Amino acid sequence: MLKQFRALPTERRVRDMLDRDYVWCLAQQLLDDEEELDRLCPACRARAEEARCPGCGAPVGTPVKESNPNFDWARFERLKQEGGAI
């Protein structure tokens, strides 16, 4: 986030930020990103959500959004059906 705002960790404005300020900024960035995706047609949105090589733009794998190789879908579904806590 500091890179995006061109700020150094030693700057006073950064040192004065609390953890909640960082969370707020990150949440706002996620909302902004989602709004940007919502403006795209379905085909362009699907392309925008693909993982791509930063050099040439070729697809490199699964979609960036909602991709977590460690997520246990079977456990999630089981807990969802049981109504239990994780």
PDB file of N, CA and C in Angstrom:
ATOM      1  N   MET A   1       0.824  -1.182   0.000  1.00  0.00           N
ATOM      2  CA  MET A   1       0.000   0.000   0.000  1.00  0.00           C
ATOM      3  C   MET A   1       0.871   1.251   0.000  1.00  0.00           C
ATOM      4  N   LEU A   2       1.975   1.214   0.733  1.00  0.00           N
ATOM      5  CA  LEU A   2       2.846   2.375   0.764  1.00  0.00           C
ATOM      6  C   LEU A   2       3.413   2.675  -0.614  1.00  0.00           C
ATOM      7  N   LYS A   3       3.684   1.642  -1.368  1.00  0.00           N
ATOM      8  CA  LYS A   3       4.195   1.818  -2.731  1.00  0.00           C
ATOM      9  C   LYS A   3       3.174   2.557  -3.585  1.00  0.00           C
ATOM     10  N   GLN A   4       1.915   2.201  -3.435  1.00  0.00           N
ATOM     11  CA  GLN A   4       0.853   2.825  -4.216  1.00  0.00           C
ATOM     12  C   GLN A   4       0.767   4.321  -3.931  1.00  0.00           C
ATOM     13  N   PHE A   5       0.983   4.704  -2.684  1.00  0.00           N
ATOM     14  CA  PHE A   5       0.899   6.108  -2.297  1.00  0.00           C
ATOM     15  C   PHE A   5       2.267   6.800  -2.317  1.00  0.00           C
ATOM     16  N   ARG A   6       3.271   6.069  -2.798  1.00  0.00           N
ATOM     17  CA  ARG A   6       4.628   6.600  -2.879  1.00  0.00           C
ATOM     18  C   ARG A   6       5.068   7.185  -1.536  1.00  0.00           C
ATOM     19  N   ALA A   7       4.915   6.364  -0.509  1.00  0.00           N
ATOM     20  CA  ALA A   7       5.274   6.783   0.846  1.00  0.00           C
ATOM     21  C   ALA A   7       6.320   5.833   1.412  1.00  0.00           C
ATOM     22  N   LEU A   8       7.215   6.371   2.186  1.00  0.00           N
ATOM     23  CA  LEU A   8       8.237   5.579   2.850  1.00  0.00           C
ATOM     24  C   LEU A   8       7.826   5.297   4.287  1.00  0.00           C
ATOM     25  N   PRO A   9       8.214   4.148   4.840  1.00  0.00           N
ATOM     26  CA  PRO A   9       7.850   3.824   6.223  1.00  0.00           C
ATOM     27  C   PRO A   9       8.380   4.835   7.241  1.00  0.00           C
ATOM     28  N   THR A  10       9.393   5.590   6.865  1.00  0.00           N
ATOM     29  CA  THR A  10       9.974   6.570   7.794  1.00  0.00           C
ATOM     30  C   THR A  10       9.255   7.911   7.782  1.00  0.00           C
ATOM     31  N   GLU A  11       8.335   8.132   6.848  1.00  0.00           N
ATOM     32  CA  GLU A  11       7.620   9.405   6.778  1.00  0.00           C
ATOM     33  C   GLU A  11       6.647   9.534   7.940  1.00  0.00           C
ATOM     34  N   ARG A  12       6.479  10.754   8.390  1.00  0.00           N
ATOM     35  CA  ARG A  12       5.595  11.010   9.538  1.00  0.00           C
ATOM     36  C   ARG A  12       4.160  10.562   9.258  1.00  0.00           C
ATOM     37  N   ARG A  13       3.663  10.831   8.056  1.00  0.00           N
ATOM     38  CA  ARG A  13       2.278  10.452   7.731  1.00  0.00           C
ATOM     39  C   ARG A  13       2.087   8.948   7.825  1.00  0.00           C
ATOM     40  N   VAL A  14       3.124   8.185   7.553  1.00  0.00           N
ATOM     41  CA  VAL A  14       3.037   6.724   7.643  1.00  0.00           C
ATOM     42  C   VAL A  14       3.185   6.278   9.098  1.00  0.00           C
ATOM     43  N   ARG A  15       4.127   6.864   9.802  1.00  0.00           N
ATOM     44  CA  ARG A  15       4.335   6.498  11.208  1.00  0.00           C
ATOM     45  C   ARG A  15       3.105   6.805  12.053  1.00  0.00           C
ATOM     46  N   ASP A  16       2.327   7.812  11.662  1.00  0.00           N
ATOM     47  CA  ASP A  16       1.133   8.196  12.428  1.00  0.00           C
ATOM     48  C   ASP A  16      -0.064   7.292  12.157  1.00  0.00           C
ATOM     49  N   MET A  17       0.028   6.457  11.135  1.00  0.00           N
ATOM     50  CA  MET A  17      -1.101   5.577  10.810  1.00  0.00           C
ATOM     51  C   MET A  17      -1.208   4.438  11.814  1.00  0.00           C
ATOM     52  N   LEU A  18      -2.439   4.131  12.166  1.00  0.00           N
ATOM     53  CA  LEU A  18      -2.726   3.006  13.052  1.00  0.00           C
ATOM     54  C   LEU A  18      -3.085   1.787  12.203  1.00  0.00           C
ATOM     55  N   ASP A  19      -3.112   0.632  12.841  1.00  0.00           N
ATOM     56  CA  ASP A  19      -3.492  -0.595  12.117  1.00  0.00           C
ATOM     57  C   ASP A  19      -4.846  -0.438  11.455  1.00  0.00           C
ATOM     58  N   ARG A  20      -5.785   0.193  12.137  1.00  0.00           N
ATOM     59  CA  ARG A  20      -7.131   0.353  11.577  1.00  0.00           C
ATOM     60  C   ARG A  20      -7.108   1.239  10.331  1.00  0.00           C
ATOM     61  N   ASP A  21      -6.157   2.178  10.266  1.00  0.00           N
ATOM     62  CA  ASP A  21      -6.035   3.019   9.074  1.00  0.00           C
ATOM     63  C   ASP A  21      -5.597   2.189   7.872  1.00  0.00           C
ATOM     64  N   TYR A  22      -4.684   1.267   8.093  1.00  0.00           N
ATOM     65  CA  TYR A  22      -4.246   0.388   7.011  1.00  0.00           C
ATOM     66  C   TYR A  22      -5.384  -0.519   6.559  1.00  0.00           C
ATOM     67  N   VAL A  23      -6.129  -1.057   7.504  1.00  0.00           N
ATOM     68  CA  VAL A  23      -7.263  -1.926   7.161  1.00  0.00           C
ATOM     69  C   VAL A  23      -8.295  -1.141   6.365  1.00  0.00           C
ATOM     70  N   TRP A  24      -8.569   0.094   6.785  1.00  0.00           N
ATOM     71  CA  TRP A  24      -9.542   0.922   6.083  1.00  0.00           C
ATOM     72  C   TRP A  24      -9.081   1.183   4.648  1.00  0.00           C
ATOM     73  N   CYS A  25      -7.799   1.538   4.473  1.00  0.00           N
ATOM     74  CA  CYS A  25      -7.262   1.805   3.132  1.00  0.00           C
ATOM     75  C   CYS A  25      -7.344   0.565   2.252  1.00  0.00           C
ATOM     76  N   LEU A  26      -6.988  -0.585   2.809  1.00  0.00           N
ATOM     77  CA  LEU A  26      -7.038  -1.821   2.029  1.00  0.00           C
ATOM     78  C   LEU A  26      -8.468  -2.180   1.652  1.00  0.00           C
ATOM     79  N   ALA A  27      -9.397  -1.988   2.588  1.00  0.00           N
ATOM     80  CA  ALA A  27     -10.806  -2.270   2.290  1.00  0.00           C
ATOM     81  C   ALA A  27     -11.310  -1.352   1.186  1.00  0.00           C
ATOM     82  N   GLN A  28     -10.950  -0.081   1.240  1.00  0.00           N
ATOM     83  CA  GLN A  28     -11.369   0.861   0.210  1.00  0.00           C
ATOM     84  C   GLN A  28     -10.764   0.495  -1.143  1.00  0.00           C
ATOM     85  N   GLN A  29      -9.523   0.024  -1.138  1.00  0.00           N
ATOM     86  CA  GLN A  29      -8.882  -0.385  -2.388  1.00  0.00           C
ATOM     87  C   GLN A  29      -9.603  -1.593  -2.993  1.00  0.00           C
ATOM     88  N   LEU A  30      -9.993  -2.542  -2.138  1.00  0.00           N
ATOM     89  CA  LEU A  30     -10.744  -3.705  -2.631  1.00  0.00           C
ATOM     90  C   LEU A  30     -12.079  -3.281  -3.235  1.00  0.00           C
ATOM     91  N   LEU A  31     -12.766  -2.344  -2.578  1.00  0.00           N
ATOM     92  CA  LEU A  31     -14.032  -1.846  -3.113  1.00  0.00           C
ATOM     93  C   LEU A  31     -13.825  -1.127  -4.437  1.00  0.00           C
ATOM     94  N   ASP A  32     -12.775  -0.321  -4.529  1.00  0.00           N
ATOM     95  CA  ASP A  32     -12.469   0.374  -5.782  1.00  0.00           C
ATOM     96  C   ASP A  32     -12.182  -0.622  -6.899  1.00  0.00           C
ATOM     97  N   ASP A  33     -11.403  -1.662  -6.586  1.00  0.00           N
ATOM     98  CA  ASP A  33     -11.086  -2.687  -7.583  1.00  0.00           C
ATOM     99  C   ASP A  33     -12.351  -3.402  -8.061  1.00  0.00           C
ATOM    100  N   GLU A  34     -13.256  -3.694  -7.128  1.00  0.00           N
ATOM    101  CA  GLU A  34     -14.504  -4.372  -7.486  1.00  0.00           C
ATOM    102  C   GLU A  34     -15.381  -3.473  -8.353  1.00  0.00           C
ATOM    103  N   GLU A  35     -15.433  -2.183  -8.038  1.00  0.00           N
ATOM    104  CA  GLU A  35     -16.197  -1.246  -8.858  1.00  0.00           C
ATOM    105  C   GLU A  35     -15.642  -1.193 -10.280  1.00  0.00           C
ATOM    106  N   GLU A  36     -14.325  -1.220 -10.386  1.00  0.00           N
ATOM    107  CA  GLU A  36     -13.687  -1.194 -11.700  1.00  0.00           C
ATOM    108  C   GLU A  36     -14.067  -2.445 -12.500  1.00  0.00           C
ATOM    109  N   LEU A  37     -14.076  -3.597 -11.840  1.00  0.00           N
ATOM    110  CA  LEU A  37     -14.469  -4.837 -12.519  1.00  0.00           C
ATOM    111  C   LEU A  37     -15.938  -4.821 -12.907  1.00  0.00           C
ATOM    112  N   ASP A  38     -16.787  -4.220 -12.063  1.00  0.00           N
ATOM    113  CA  ASP A  38     -18.218  -4.160 -12.357  1.00  0.00           C
ATOM    114  C   ASP A  38     -18.523  -3.363 -13.622  1.00  0.00           C
ATOM    115  N   ARG A  39     -17.622  -2.480 -14.025  1.00  0.00           N
ATOM    116  CA  ARG A  39     -17.828  -1.676 -15.225  1.00  0.00           C
ATOM    117  C   ARG A  39     -17.548  -2.459 -16.502  1.00  0.00           C
ATOM    118  N   LEU A  40     -16.935  -3.635 -16.383  1.00  0.00           N
ATOM    119  CA  LEU A  40     -16.555  -4.421 -17.553  1.00  0.00           C
ATOM    120  C   LEU A  40     -17.686  -5.360 -17.977  1.00  0.00           C
ATOM    121  N   CYS A  41     -17.701  -5.685 -19.269  1.00  0.00           N
ATOM    122  CA  CYS A  41     -18.647  -6.694 -19.747  1.00  0.00           C
ATOM    123  C   CYS A  41     -18.182  -8.049 -19.214  1.00  0.00           C
ATOM    124  N   PRO A  42     -19.043  -9.072 -19.214  1.00  0.00           N
ATOM    125  CA  PRO A  42     -18.660 -10.378 -18.658  1.00  0.00           C
ATOM    126  C   PRO A  42     -17.397 -10.973 -19.282  1.00  0.00           C
ATOM    127  N   ALA A  43     -17.209 -10.827 -20.574  1.00  0.00           N
ATOM    128  CA  ALA A  43     -16.022 -11.393 -21.222  1.00  0.00           C
ATOM    129  C   ALA A  43     -14.756 -10.676 -20.765  1.00  0.00           C
ATOM    130  N   CYS A  44     -14.803  -9.362 -20.711  1.00  0.00           N
ATOM    131  CA  CYS A  44     -13.629  -8.596 -20.275  1.00  0.00           C
ATOM    132  C   CYS A  44     -13.358  -8.815 -18.786  1.00  0.00           C
ATOM    133  N   ARG A  45     -14.417  -8.962 -18.001  1.00  0.00           N
ATOM    134  CA  ARG A  45     -14.224  -9.201 -16.571  1.00  0.00           C
ATOM    135  C   ARG A  45     -13.532 -10.547 -16.341  1.00  0.00           C
ATOM    136  N   ALA A  46     -13.964 -11.565 -17.066  1.00  0.00           N
ATOM    137  CA  ALA A  46     -13.331 -12.880 -16.929  1.00  0.00           C
ATOM    138  C   ALA A  46     -11.855 -12.800 -17.294  1.00  0.00           C
ATOM    139  N   ARG A  47     -11.555 -12.063 -18.354  1.00  0.00           N
ATOM    140  CA  ARG A  47     -10.158 -11.895 -18.763  1.00  0.00           C
ATOM    141  C   ARG A  47      -9.380 -11.119 -17.710  1.00  0.00           C
ATOM    142  N   ALA A  48      -9.971 -10.088 -17.126  1.00  0.00           N
ATOM    143  CA  ALA A  48      -9.300  -9.273 -16.117  1.00  0.00           C
ATOM    144  C   ALA A  48      -9.005 -10.073 -14.851  1.00  0.00           C
ATOM    145  N   GLU A  49      -9.836 -11.076 -14.561  1.00  0.00           N
ATOM    146  CA  GLU A  49      -9.652 -11.867 -13.344  1.00  0.00           C
ATOM    147  C   GLU A  49      -8.689 -13.031 -13.535  1.00  0.00           C
ATOM    148  N   GLU A  50      -8.215 -13.241 -14.773  1.00  0.00           N
ATOM    149  CA  GLU A  50      -7.254 -14.312 -15.014  1.00  0.00           C
ATOM    150  C   GLU A  50      -5.878 -13.909 -14.504  1.00  0.00           C
ATOM    151  N   ALA A  51      -5.142 -14.900 -14.002  1.00  0.00           N
ATOM    152  CA  ALA A  51      -3.753 -14.649 -13.617  1.00  0.00           C
ATOM    153  C   ALA A  51      -2.942 -14.528 -14.895  1.00  0.00           C
ATOM    154  N   ARG A  52      -2.191 -13.444 -15.028  1.00  0.00           N
ATOM    155  CA  ARG A  52      -1.441 -13.196 -16.251  1.00  0.00           C
ATOM    156  C   ARG A  52       0.006 -12.843 -15.940  1.00  0.00           C
ATOM    157  N   CYS A  53       0.863 -13.162 -16.867  1.00  0.00           N
ATOM    158  CA  CYS A  53       2.285 -12.829 -16.777  1.00  0.00           C
ATOM    159  C   CYS A  53       2.422 -11.306 -16.833  1.00  0.00           C
ATOM    160  N   PRO A  54       3.151 -10.714 -15.894  1.00  0.00           N
ATOM    161  CA  PRO A  54       3.311  -9.252 -15.929  1.00  0.00           C
ATOM    162  C   PRO A  54       4.150  -8.775 -17.114  1.00  0.00           C
ATOM    163  N   GLY A  55       4.916  -9.678 -17.715  1.00  0.00           N
ATOM    164  CA  GLY A  55       5.764  -9.298 -18.845  1.00  0.00           C
ATOM    165  C   GLY A  55       5.038  -9.302 -20.169  1.00  0.00           C
ATOM    166  N   CYS A  56       4.425 -10.443 -20.498  1.00  0.00           N
ATOM    167  CA  CYS A  56       3.816 -10.572 -21.828  1.00  0.00           C
ATOM    168  C   CYS A  56       2.288 -10.609 -21.794  1.00  0.00           C
ATOM    169  N   GLY A  57       1.692 -10.809 -20.627  1.00  0.00           N
ATOM    170  CA  GLY A  57       0.242 -10.844 -20.530  1.00  0.00           C
ATOM    171  C   GLY A  57      -0.390 -12.190 -20.815  1.00  0.00           C
ATOM    172  N   ALA A  58       0.415 -13.222 -21.016  1.00  0.00           N
ATOM    173  CA  ALA A  58      -0.124 -14.554 -21.286  1.00  0.00           C
ATOM    174  C   ALA A  58      -0.725 -15.144 -20.009  1.00  0.00           C
ATOM    175  N   PRO A  59      -1.816 -15.915 -20.135  1.00  0.00           N
ATOM    176  CA  PRO A  59      -2.398 -16.556 -18.952  1.00  0.00           C
ATOM    177  C   PRO A  59      -1.385 -17.482 -18.285  1.00  0.00           C
ATOM    178  N   VAL A  60      -1.355 -17.475 -16.957  1.00  0.00           N
ATOM    179  CA  VAL A  60      -0.398 -18.317 -16.232  1.00  0.00           C
ATOM    180  C   VAL A  60      -1.067 -19.273 -15.256  1.00  0.00           C
ATOM    181  N   GLY A  61      -2.369 -19.335 -15.224  1.00  0.00           N
ATOM    182  CA  GLY A  61      -2.990 -20.284 -14.305  1.00  0.00           C
ATOM    183  C   GLY A  61      -4.441 -19.962 -14.028  1.00  0.00           C
ATOM    184  N   THR A  62      -4.828 -20.238 -12.816  1.00  0.00           N
ATOM    185  CA  THR A  62      -6.210 -20.066 -12.387  1.00  0.00           C
ATOM    186  C   THR A  62      -6.526 -18.593 -12.155  1.00  0.00           C
ATOM    187  N   PRO A  63      -7.803 -18.233 -12.119  1.00  0.00           N
ATOM    188  CA  PRO A  63      -8.181 -16.841 -11.876  1.00  0.00           C
ATOM    189  C   PRO A  63      -7.573 -16.308 -10.581  1.00  0.00           C
ATOM    190  N   VAL A  64      -7.206 -15.040 -10.606  1.00  0.00           N
ATOM    191  CA  VAL A  64      -6.609 -14.394  -9.442  1.00  0.00           C
ATOM    192  C   VAL A  64      -7.637 -14.290  -8.326  1.00  0.00           C
ATOM    193  N   LYS A  65      -8.825 -13.863  -8.676  1.00  0.00           N
ATOM    194  CA  LYS A  65      -9.859 -13.669  -7.673  1.00  0.00           C
ATOM    195  C   LYS A  65     -10.329 -15.013  -7.137  1.00  0.00           C
ATOM    196  N   GLU A  66     -10.455 -15.082  -5.834  1.00  0.00           N
ATOM    197  CA  GLU A  66     -10.970 -16.258  -5.142  1.00  0.00           C
ATOM    198  C   GLU A  66     -10.147 -17.507  -5.409  1.00  0.00           C
ATOM    199  N   SER A  67      -8.855 -17.358  -5.633  1.00  0.00           N
ATOM    200  CA  SER A  67      -8.023 -18.534  -5.813  1.00  0.00           C
ATOM    201  C   SER A  67      -7.174 -18.735  -4.575  1.00  0.00           C
ATOM    202  N   ASN A  68      -7.362 -19.856  -3.914  1.00  0.00           N
ATOM    203  CA  ASN A  68      -6.588 -20.208  -2.732  1.00  0.00           C
ATOM    204  C   ASN A  68      -6.345 -21.709  -2.799  1.00  0.00           C
ATOM    205  N   PRO A  69      -5.135 -22.112  -3.181  1.00  0.00           N
ATOM    206  CA  PRO A  69      -4.866 -23.538  -3.333  1.00  0.00           C
ATOM    207  C   PRO A  69      -4.965 -24.315  -2.025  1.00  0.00           C
ATOM    208  N   ASN A  70      -4.928 -23.645  -0.899  1.00  0.00           N
ATOM    209  CA  ASN A  70      -4.989 -24.314   0.399  1.00  0.00           C
ATOM    210  C   ASN A  70      -6.410 -24.418   0.960  1.00  0.00           C
ATOM    211  N   PHE A  71      -7.383 -23.839   0.252  1.00  0.00           N
ATOM    212  CA  PHE A  71      -8.749 -23.861   0.748  1.00  0.00           C
ATOM    213  C   PHE A  71      -9.333 -25.263   0.602  1.00  0.00           C
ATOM    214  N   ASP A  72      -9.900 -25.763   1.671  1.00  0.00           N
ATOM    215  CA  ASP A  72     -10.463 -27.113   1.687  1.00  0.00           C
ATOM    216  C   ASP A  72     -11.969 -27.023   1.413  1.00  0.00           C
ATOM    217  N   TRP A  73     -12.337 -27.163   0.139  1.00  0.00           N
ATOM    218  CA  TRP A  73     -13.752 -27.046  -0.243  1.00  0.00           C
ATOM    219  C   TRP A  73     -14.613 -28.126   0.407  1.00  0.00           C
ATOM    220  N   ALA A  74     -14.096 -29.337   0.521  1.00  0.00           N
ATOM    221  CA  ALA A  74     -14.874 -30.428   1.122  1.00  0.00           C
ATOM    222  C   ALA A  74     -15.208 -30.099   2.572  1.00  0.00           C
ATOM    223  N   ARG A  75     -14.227 -29.615   3.312  1.00  0.00           N
ATOM    224  CA  ARG A  75     -14.460 -29.242   4.714  1.00  0.00           C
ATOM    225  C   ARG A  75     -15.440 -28.073   4.806  1.00  0.00           C
ATOM    226  N   PHE A  76     -15.284 -27.106   3.911  1.00  0.00           N
ATOM    227  CA  PHE A  76     -16.180 -25.955   3.883  1.00  0.00           C
ATOM    228  C   PHE A  76     -17.627 -26.393   3.675  1.00  0.00           C
ATOM    229  N   GLU A  77     -17.852 -27.246   2.681  1.00  0.00           N
ATOM    230  CA  GLU A  77     -19.200 -27.719   2.393  1.00  0.00           C
ATOM    231  C   GLU A  77     -19.762 -28.523   3.565  1.00  0.00           C
ATOM    232  N   ARG A  78     -18.919 -29.378   4.174  1.00  0.00           N
ATOM    233  CA  ARG A  78     -19.368 -30.182   5.308  1.00  0.00           C
ATOM    234  C   ARG A  78     -19.782 -29.291   6.476  1.00  0.00           C
ATOM    235  N   LEU A  79     -18.961 -28.311   6.795  1.00  0.00           N
ATOM    236  CA  LEU A  79     -19.276 -27.408   7.898  1.00  0.00           C
ATOM    237  C   LEU A  79     -20.492 -26.551   7.592  1.00  0.00           C
ATOM    238  N   LYS A  80     -20.634 -26.160   6.339  1.00  0.00           N
ATOM    239  CA  LYS A  80     -21.785 -25.355   5.938  1.00  0.00           C
ATOM    240  C   LYS A  80     -23.079 -26.148   6.125  1.00  0.00           C
ATOM    241  N   GLN A  81     -23.066 -27.418   5.753  1.00  0.00           N
ATOM    242  CA  GLN A  81     -24.249 -28.254   5.877  1.00  0.00           C
ATOM    243  C   GLN A  81     -24.556 -28.558   7.344  1.00  0.00           C
ATOM    244  N   GLU A  82     -23.499 -28.728   8.135  1.00  0.00           N
ATOM    245  CA  GLU A  82     -23.683 -29.043   9.555  1.00  0.00           C
ATOM    246  C   GLU A  82     -24.030 -27.809  10.364  1.00  0.00           C
ATOM    247  N   GLY A  83     -23.726 -26.640   9.819  1.00  0.00           N
ATOM    248  CA  GLY A  83     -23.978 -25.392  10.545  1.00  0.00           C
ATOM    249  C   GLY A  83     -23.006 -25.221  11.689  1.00  0.00           C
ATOM    250  N   GLY A  84     -21.852 -25.889  11.611  1.00  0.00           N
ATOM    251  CA  GLY A  84     -20.859 -25.824  12.675  1.00  0.00           C
ATOM    252  C   GLY A  84     -19.849 -24.729  12.456  1.00  0.00           C
ATOM    253  N   ALA A  85     -19.095 -24.490  13.493  1.00  0.00           N
ATOM    254  CA  ALA A  85     -18.029 -23.497  13.421  1.00  0.00           C
ATOM    255  C   ALA A  85     -16.756 -24.159  12.914  1.00  0.00           C
ATOM    256  N   ILE A  86     -15.889 -23.352  12.376  1.00  0.00           N
ATOM    257  CA  ILE A  86     -14.607 -23.844  11.867  1.00  0.00           C
ATOM    258  C   ILE A  86     -13.734 -24.060  13.014  1.00  0.00           C
TER     259      ILE A  86
END
